[in-house]
Amino acid sequence: MWALLVAYASLYPFLPLRMPAADALSVFLRPRVVLEFDVALNTIAYMPLGALACLVLLASAPPWAARAKAVAWCAAFSLAMEAMQLFVPTRVASVYDLAANAAGAFAGTLVFAGPMRDYVTRPLGQARERLVASGGWGDAGLVLVVLWLLAQLNPALPFFEAGNIGGVGEPHPDEFLVTAGSVALAVAGFGLFVSVVLRGPGGALRWTLLLLTVALWCKFAMASVMLKPHLAAGWVTEGRAAGLVAGLFAFAPLRRLGRTARIYLAIVLTLAGALFAKIFGAYSALGDLLRLFSWPYGQLATFATLTRVIHEAWPALALAWLIALFVWRRDEPLQ
C-alpha cells in the first residue's frame, strides 16, 4: 500500500506523456536545480517503505541481509519511478532524488537494528499483538487506520465529510442539522470500526478518542501552516463539532455490543455517513482547491490530490473490509 502511495506521489499528474528529451540522461545526472525540500521529503517518504520491506524480508533472511535487500529493493523501485518520470513533462528526475530515496530506505531499516529494535520496534510489535486483531485482518485494519490519519493531514478537507472547504455547492437550508447528522453517523461508524480492529471491545472508546484527538491536532497544526489565514478554521464548523460530540455519545453504549452486532452497525453507520457526506458535500476544481493554500515549498498539488483521493476512498475501503469480515469471520474471534 505504501508503495502505491509513493508511486502516486512520484508520477502525479501522470498525463500528458512524452518521450524523454535528448539531454534527459545528462539532466538526470546533473540537474539544473536541486530543491532541498524535495530531497528531505523524498527521504522521509522512503523511510516507511524501507521499514516495511525489511519487515517482510526478515521472515526469510537474517537481519543484516534483510536490511541490505530492503535498501536494494527500494533503490530499484526508486530508479523505476525516476525512469518513468522522464516521460511526464511536469516531473524532474534526478540522481539526487534516487540517493535521497535510498538513504531514506536505509534509515527506515534501522528500526530493526540494535537498540532501536530492542527498545522501540519490539515493544511496538508486542503491543500490536496484544491490542489488535491478529493476522492479515488486523494488519489490513491497521493500514486503514493509518490511511485515515494520513488524510487528516490535509486541512482543506472537512472533518468526517466529503468534498473540501470553500467548495462549490448550493447552501442547504438545514445545513447545521445535515452536517451534524452526517458527522455523527460517520464518527459512530468510525468508533465501531476501531472496536472491530481491536482484539476485543475493551479500550475501544479510549483508542477512538485518542485517534480523534491526534486527527484534530493534525488538522489544527496543518491548517495554521498551510492554509491562508482567513481559511485556517474552515475545516471545523458548529455542525461538525456538534456531530463529533453526538457521534461519540452514540458510540459509547454501542461499543458494548457483541462483535457481530458491532460489525453490522459499523457497516450501516459508515455507509449512511458516507452517503450523506457525498450528497451534501461541496467540491472544488483542483485549481480552486489549491488557491485555499499558502504553501510556497512545492509538491502542493501532489499532496492535495493524494490526500483527497484517500479521504474520498476511505469509507469504501473500510466498508469492503467490514463486509468481508462480516461474511467470513463474523462469528470467529480474531485471536
Protein backbone atom coordinates (compact mmCIF):
# COMPACT_ATOMS: atom_id res chain seq x y z
CA MET A 1 0.00 0.00 0.00
CA TRP A 2 2.79 2.43 0.87
CA ALA A 3 4.50 1.62 -2.42
CA LEU A 4 1.29 2.62 -4.25
CA LEU A 5 1.17 5.92 -2.36
CA VAL A 6 4.82 6.60 -3.22
CA ALA A 7 4.18 5.73 -6.87
CA TYR A 8 1.23 8.14 -6.97
CA ALA A 9 3.32 10.93 -5.44
CA SER A 10 6.21 10.19 -7.81
CA LEU A 11 4.22 10.15 -11.06
CA TYR A 12 1.41 12.67 -10.48
CA PRO A 13 -0.13 14.22 -12.63
CA PHE A 14 0.53 11.15 -14.88
CA LEU A 15 -0.55 12.96 -18.08
CA PRO A 16 0.38 14.20 -20.63
CA LEU A 17 3.14 11.83 -21.64
CA ARG A 18 6.03 12.49 -24.00
CA MET A 19 9.26 10.83 -25.00
CA PRO A 20 12.29 11.86 -22.91
CA ALA A 21 14.32 14.76 -24.23
CA ALA A 22 17.71 14.18 -25.86
CA ASP A 23 19.53 15.53 -22.81
CA ALA A 24 17.39 13.60 -20.29
CA LEU A 25 20.29 11.46 -19.03
CA SER A 26 22.62 14.42 -18.53
CA VAL A 27 19.88 16.35 -16.70
CA PHE A 28 19.22 13.29 -14.55
CA LEU A 29 22.90 13.06 -13.59
CA ARG A 30 23.42 16.82 -13.25
CA PRO A 31 20.07 18.50 -12.59
CA ARG A 32 19.90 22.25 -13.09
CA VAL A 33 18.01 22.80 -9.83
CA VAL A 34 18.07 20.80 -6.60
CA LEU A 35 15.34 21.68 -4.10
CA GLU A 36 16.28 20.90 -0.51
CA PHE A 37 12.62 20.49 0.44
CA ASP A 38 12.11 17.82 -2.23
CA VAL A 39 15.21 15.94 -1.11
CA ALA A 40 14.05 15.98 2.51
CA LEU A 41 10.53 14.93 1.52
CA ASN A 42 11.86 12.04 -0.56
CA THR A 43 13.98 10.83 2.34
CA ILE A 44 11.01 10.89 4.72
CA ALA A 45 8.68 9.19 2.22
CA TYR A 46 11.02 6.24 1.71
CA MET A 47 11.66 5.60 5.41
CA PRO A 48 8.37 3.69 5.92
CA LEU A 49 8.93 1.85 2.63
CA GLY A 50 12.34 0.68 3.77
CA ALA A 51 11.00 -0.37 7.16
CA LEU A 52 8.09 -2.31 5.66
CA ALA A 53 10.29 -4.01 3.06
CA CYS A 54 12.70 -5.05 5.79
CA LEU A 55 9.83 -6.39 7.91
CA VAL A 56 8.69 -8.61 5.02
CA LEU A 57 12.21 -9.84 4.26
CA LEU A 58 13.02 -10.68 7.88
CA ALA A 59 10.77 -13.72 7.56
CA SER A 60 13.22 -15.35 5.15
CA ALA A 61 16.61 -13.74 5.80
CA PRO A 62 18.88 -12.80 8.71
CA PRO A 63 18.59 -9.17 9.90
CA TRP A 64 21.66 -7.81 8.10
CA ALA A 65 20.67 -9.46 4.82
CA ALA A 66 17.07 -8.32 5.16
CA ARG A 67 18.19 -4.72 5.65
CA ALA A 68 20.54 -4.87 2.67
CA LYS A 69 17.90 -6.43 0.43
CA ALA A 70 15.30 -3.89 1.57
CA VAL A 71 17.57 -0.98 0.66
CA ALA A 72 18.38 -2.57 -2.70
CA TRP A 73 14.69 -3.19 -3.42
CA CYS A 74 13.75 0.38 -2.51
CA ALA A 75 16.60 1.77 -4.61
CA ALA A 76 15.43 -0.31 -7.59
CA PHE A 77 11.85 0.86 -7.03
CA SER A 78 13.06 4.47 -6.85
CA LEU A 79 15.08 4.06 -10.05
CA ALA A 80 11.95 2.75 -11.80
CA MET A 81 9.96 5.77 -10.58
CA GLU A 82 12.69 8.17 -11.73
CA ALA A 83 12.81 6.45 -15.14
CA MET A 84 9.04 6.79 -15.56
CA GLN A 85 9.24 10.44 -14.52
CA LEU A 86 11.24 11.07 -17.69
CA PHE A 87 8.01 10.53 -19.64
CA VAL A 88 6.00 13.04 -17.55
CA PRO A 89 6.88 16.60 -18.64
CA THR A 90 5.97 18.19 -15.31
CA ARG A 91 8.25 15.91 -13.28
CA VAL A 92 12.03 16.19 -12.96
CA ALA A 93 14.04 13.01 -12.49
CA SER A 94 17.27 13.44 -10.56
CA VAL A 95 20.10 11.30 -9.24
CA TYR A 96 19.80 13.30 -6.03
CA ASP A 97 16.24 12.06 -5.60
CA LEU A 98 17.47 8.50 -6.11
CA ALA A 99 20.16 8.97 -3.47
CA ALA A 100 17.71 10.58 -1.05
CA ASN A 101 15.23 7.74 -1.54
CA ALA A 102 17.89 5.09 -0.91
CA ALA A 103 19.06 6.98 2.18
CA GLY A 104 15.50 7.17 3.46
CA ALA A 105 15.03 3.44 2.91
CA PHE A 106 18.26 2.72 4.78
CA ALA A 107 17.11 4.93 7.67
CA GLY A 108 13.83 3.03 7.72
CA THR A 109 15.58 -0.32 8.03
CA LEU A 110 17.39 0.90 11.15
CA VAL A 111 14.23 0.32 13.19
CA PHE A 112 15.22 -3.37 13.03
CA ALA A 113 18.83 -2.78 14.09
CA GLY A 114 20.38 -2.77 17.54
CA PRO A 115 18.88 -0.61 20.30
CA MET A 116 16.09 0.70 18.06
CA ARG A 117 14.81 -2.85 17.59
CA ASP A 118 15.08 -3.72 21.28
CA TYR A 119 13.62 -0.54 22.75
CA VAL A 120 11.15 0.64 20.09
CA THR A 121 10.27 -1.87 17.36
CA ARG A 122 9.92 -4.99 19.51
CA PRO A 123 7.70 -3.29 22.16
CA LEU A 124 5.55 -1.86 19.37
CA GLY A 125 5.20 -5.32 17.84
CA GLN A 126 4.23 -6.78 21.19
CA ALA A 127 1.66 -4.01 21.68
CA ARG A 128 0.23 -4.73 18.24
CA GLU A 129 -0.16 -8.43 19.08
CA ARG A 130 -1.73 -7.60 22.42
CA LEU A 131 -4.18 -4.91 21.26
CA VAL A 132 -5.02 -5.54 17.61
CA ALA A 133 -6.71 -8.46 15.86
CA SER A 134 -4.12 -10.98 14.73
CA GLY A 135 -3.19 -11.97 11.22
CA GLY A 136 -3.98 -10.30 7.93
CA TRP A 137 -7.35 -8.98 9.10
CA GLY A 138 -5.70 -6.97 11.85
CA ASP A 139 -2.93 -5.77 9.54
CA ALA A 140 -5.49 -4.58 6.98
CA GLY A 141 -7.42 -2.78 9.70
CA LEU A 142 -4.26 -1.03 10.88
CA VAL A 143 -3.47 0.03 7.31
CA LEU A 144 -6.92 1.60 7.06
CA VAL A 145 -6.37 3.47 10.33
CA VAL A 146 -3.04 4.82 9.03
CA LEU A 147 -4.66 5.88 5.73
CA TRP A 148 -7.39 7.70 7.67
CA LEU A 149 -4.77 9.58 9.69
CA LEU A 150 -2.85 10.50 6.51
CA ALA A 151 -6.00 12.02 5.02
CA GLN A 152 -6.39 14.22 8.11
CA LEU A 153 -3.12 15.98 7.25
CA ASN A 154 -4.95 17.96 4.55
CA PRO A 155 -6.59 20.93 6.32
CA ALA A 156 -8.71 21.75 3.26
CA LEU A 157 -10.71 18.56 3.77
CA PRO A 158 -13.61 18.82 6.23
CA PHE A 159 -13.62 16.55 9.25
CA PHE A 160 -15.67 13.38 8.51
CA GLU A 161 -17.28 14.88 5.40
CA ALA A 162 -16.79 14.70 1.65
CA GLY A 163 -15.63 17.47 -0.66
CA ASN A 164 -13.49 20.34 0.61
CA ILE A 165 -13.88 23.60 2.46
CA GLY A 166 -14.86 26.51 0.26
CA GLY A 167 -16.27 24.11 -2.33
CA VAL A 168 -18.94 24.93 -4.85
CA GLY A 169 -22.40 23.80 -3.87
CA GLU A 170 -25.87 25.03 -3.08
CA PRO A 171 -26.25 26.03 0.58
CA HIS A 172 -28.70 23.76 2.34
CA PRO A 173 -31.38 25.47 4.47
CA ASP A 174 -30.80 22.94 7.26
CA GLU A 175 -27.03 22.90 6.90
CA PHE A 176 -26.35 22.60 10.64
CA LEU A 177 -28.63 19.58 11.06
CA VAL A 178 -27.40 17.89 7.87
CA THR A 179 -23.75 18.41 8.79
CA ALA A 180 -24.20 17.35 12.41
CA GLY A 181 -26.17 14.27 11.37
CA SER A 182 -23.70 13.08 8.73
CA VAL A 183 -20.69 13.66 11.00
CA ALA A 184 -22.41 11.91 13.93
CA LEU A 185 -23.10 8.85 11.77
CA ALA A 186 -19.54 8.80 10.47
CA VAL A 187 -17.98 9.24 13.92
CA ALA A 188 -20.10 6.47 15.45
CA GLY A 189 -19.26 4.22 12.49
CA PHE A 190 -15.56 5.03 12.85
CA GLY A 191 -15.64 4.19 16.55
CA LEU A 192 -17.27 0.84 15.81
CA PHE A 193 -14.70 0.22 13.08
CA VAL A 194 -11.92 0.83 15.63
CA SER A 195 -13.62 -1.52 18.10
CA VAL A 196 -13.58 -4.26 15.45
CA VAL A 197 -9.91 -3.67 14.58
CA LEU A 198 -9.01 -4.12 18.23
CA ARG A 199 -8.63 -7.63 19.63
CA GLY A 200 -11.58 -7.06 21.98
CA PRO A 201 -14.10 -4.30 22.71
CA GLY A 202 -12.20 -3.18 25.81
CA GLY A 203 -10.47 0.15 25.21
CA ALA A 204 -12.42 0.95 22.05
CA LEU A 205 -13.67 4.30 23.38
CA ARG A 206 -10.23 5.22 24.67
CA TRP A 207 -8.49 4.42 21.37
CA THR A 208 -11.19 6.15 19.34
CA LEU A 209 -10.80 9.30 21.44
CA LEU A 210 -7.03 9.10 21.02
CA LEU A 211 -7.26 8.78 17.23
CA LEU A 212 -9.76 11.63 17.00
CA THR A 213 -7.56 13.81 19.21
CA VAL A 214 -4.50 13.12 17.06
CA ALA A 215 -6.51 13.88 13.92
CA LEU A 216 -7.82 17.15 15.35
CA TRP A 217 -4.35 18.30 16.35
CA CYS A 218 -3.07 17.39 12.87
CA LYS A 219 -5.84 19.49 11.35
CA PHE A 220 -5.09 22.44 13.62
CA ALA A 221 -1.34 22.28 13.02
CA MET A 222 -1.52 21.81 9.25
CA ALA A 223 -4.20 24.50 8.86
CA SER A 224 -2.04 27.04 10.67
CA VAL A 225 0.93 26.20 8.44
CA MET A 226 -0.63 25.53 5.03
CA LEU A 227 -3.94 27.39 4.66
CA LYS A 228 -4.45 31.07 4.05
CA PRO A 229 -5.08 32.81 7.40
CA HIS A 230 -8.77 33.57 6.82
CA LEU A 231 -9.42 29.89 5.99
CA ALA A 232 -7.45 28.31 8.84
CA ALA A 233 -10.60 27.35 10.76
CA GLY A 234 -12.71 26.48 7.71
CA TRP A 235 -12.47 22.72 8.24
CA VAL A 236 -14.35 22.87 11.54
CA THR A 237 -17.84 24.36 11.97
CA GLU A 238 -20.52 24.30 14.65
CA GLY A 239 -22.29 21.48 12.81
CA ARG A 240 -19.15 19.34 12.61
CA ALA A 241 -18.33 19.93 16.28
CA ALA A 242 -21.89 19.01 17.31
CA GLY A 243 -21.78 15.92 15.10
CA LEU A 244 -18.46 14.85 16.64
CA VAL A 245 -19.88 15.04 20.17
CA ALA A 246 -23.16 13.35 19.17
CA GLY A 247 -21.31 10.56 17.38
CA LEU A 248 -19.18 9.84 20.44
CA PHE A 249 -22.25 9.75 22.69
CA ALA A 250 -23.92 7.32 20.27
CA PHE A 251 -20.82 5.13 20.06
CA ALA A 252 -20.27 4.86 23.84
CA PRO A 253 -23.10 2.36 24.53
CA LEU A 254 -22.79 0.61 21.14
CA ARG A 255 -19.22 -0.48 21.84
CA ARG A 256 -20.52 -2.94 24.44
CA LEU A 257 -22.50 -4.95 21.88
CA GLY A 258 -21.37 -8.32 20.59
CA ARG A 259 -18.80 -8.46 17.83
CA THR A 260 -21.23 -9.42 15.07
CA ALA A 261 -23.58 -6.58 16.00
CA ARG A 262 -20.69 -4.10 16.07
CA ILE A 263 -19.52 -5.15 12.61
CA TYR A 264 -23.04 -4.85 11.22
CA LEU A 265 -23.65 -1.43 12.79
CA ALA A 266 -20.24 -0.22 11.63
CA ILE A 267 -21.26 -1.11 8.07
CA VAL A 268 -24.64 0.62 8.36
CA LEU A 269 -23.37 3.80 10.04
CA THR A 270 -20.28 4.17 7.85
CA LEU A 271 -22.39 3.74 4.71
CA ALA A 272 -25.05 6.19 5.92
CA GLY A 273 -22.48 8.80 6.92
CA ALA A 274 -20.64 8.46 3.60
CA LEU A 275 -23.87 8.80 1.58
CA PHE A 276 -24.94 11.91 3.49
CA ALA A 277 -21.49 13.42 3.05
CA LYS A 278 -21.42 12.69 -0.70
CA ILE A 279 -24.89 14.11 -1.28
CA PHE A 280 -24.28 17.38 0.55
CA GLY A 281 -20.51 17.73 0.10
CA ALA A 282 -19.14 20.75 -1.76
CA TYR A 283 -16.37 20.12 -4.29
CA SER A 284 -13.93 22.49 -6.00
CA ALA A 285 -11.85 22.10 -9.13
CA LEU A 286 -8.18 21.41 -8.46
CA GLY A 287 -7.14 24.98 -9.24
CA ASP A 288 -9.69 26.41 -6.80
CA LEU A 289 -8.67 23.87 -4.17
CA LEU A 290 -5.01 24.84 -4.43
CA ARG A 291 -5.88 28.52 -4.03
CA LEU A 292 -7.02 27.76 -0.48
CA PHE A 293 -3.40 27.11 0.47
CA SER A 294 -0.48 29.37 1.25
CA TRP A 295 2.38 26.94 0.68
CA PRO A 296 5.46 28.06 -1.29
CA TYR A 297 7.59 24.91 -0.94
CA GLY A 298 6.26 22.81 -3.82
CA GLN A 299 4.55 19.42 -4.19
CA LEU A 300 1.24 21.04 -3.18
CA ALA A 301 -0.85 19.54 -5.99
CA THR A 302 0.51 16.07 -5.27
CA PHE A 303 -0.22 16.41 -1.55
CA ALA A 304 -3.70 17.87 -2.05
CA THR A 305 -4.83 15.31 -4.61
CA LEU A 306 -3.31 12.28 -2.87
CA THR A 307 -4.90 13.11 0.48
CA ARG A 308 -8.21 13.91 -1.21
CA VAL A 309 -8.20 10.55 -3.00
CA ILE A 310 -7.54 8.78 0.31
CA HIS A 311 -10.21 10.87 2.06
CA GLU A 312 -12.84 10.07 -0.56
CA ALA A 313 -11.91 6.40 -0.91
CA TRP A 314 -11.58 5.60 2.79
CA PRO A 315 -15.28 4.89 3.51
CA ALA A 316 -15.43 2.47 0.57
CA LEU A 317 -12.25 0.70 1.68
CA ALA A 318 -13.48 0.47 5.27
CA LEU A 319 -16.83 -0.88 4.08
CA ALA A 320 -15.12 -3.51 1.93
CA TRP A 321 -13.06 -4.66 4.93
CA LEU A 322 -16.08 -4.70 7.26
CA ILE A 323 -18.31 -6.55 4.79
CA ALA A 324 -15.62 -9.16 4.12
CA LEU A 325 -15.17 -9.57 7.87
CA PHE A 326 -18.93 -9.88 8.39
CA VAL A 327 -19.26 -12.53 5.67
CA TRP A 328 -16.26 -14.69 6.53
CA ARG A 329 -15.26 -14.05 10.15
CA ARG A 330 -18.21 -12.52 11.98
CA ASP A 331 -18.62 -15.39 14.46
CA GLU A 332 -14.94 -16.20 14.80
CA PRO A 333 -12.93 -14.27 17.42
CA LEU A 334 -9.87 -12.66 15.86
CA GLN A 335 -7.48 -14.03 18.50
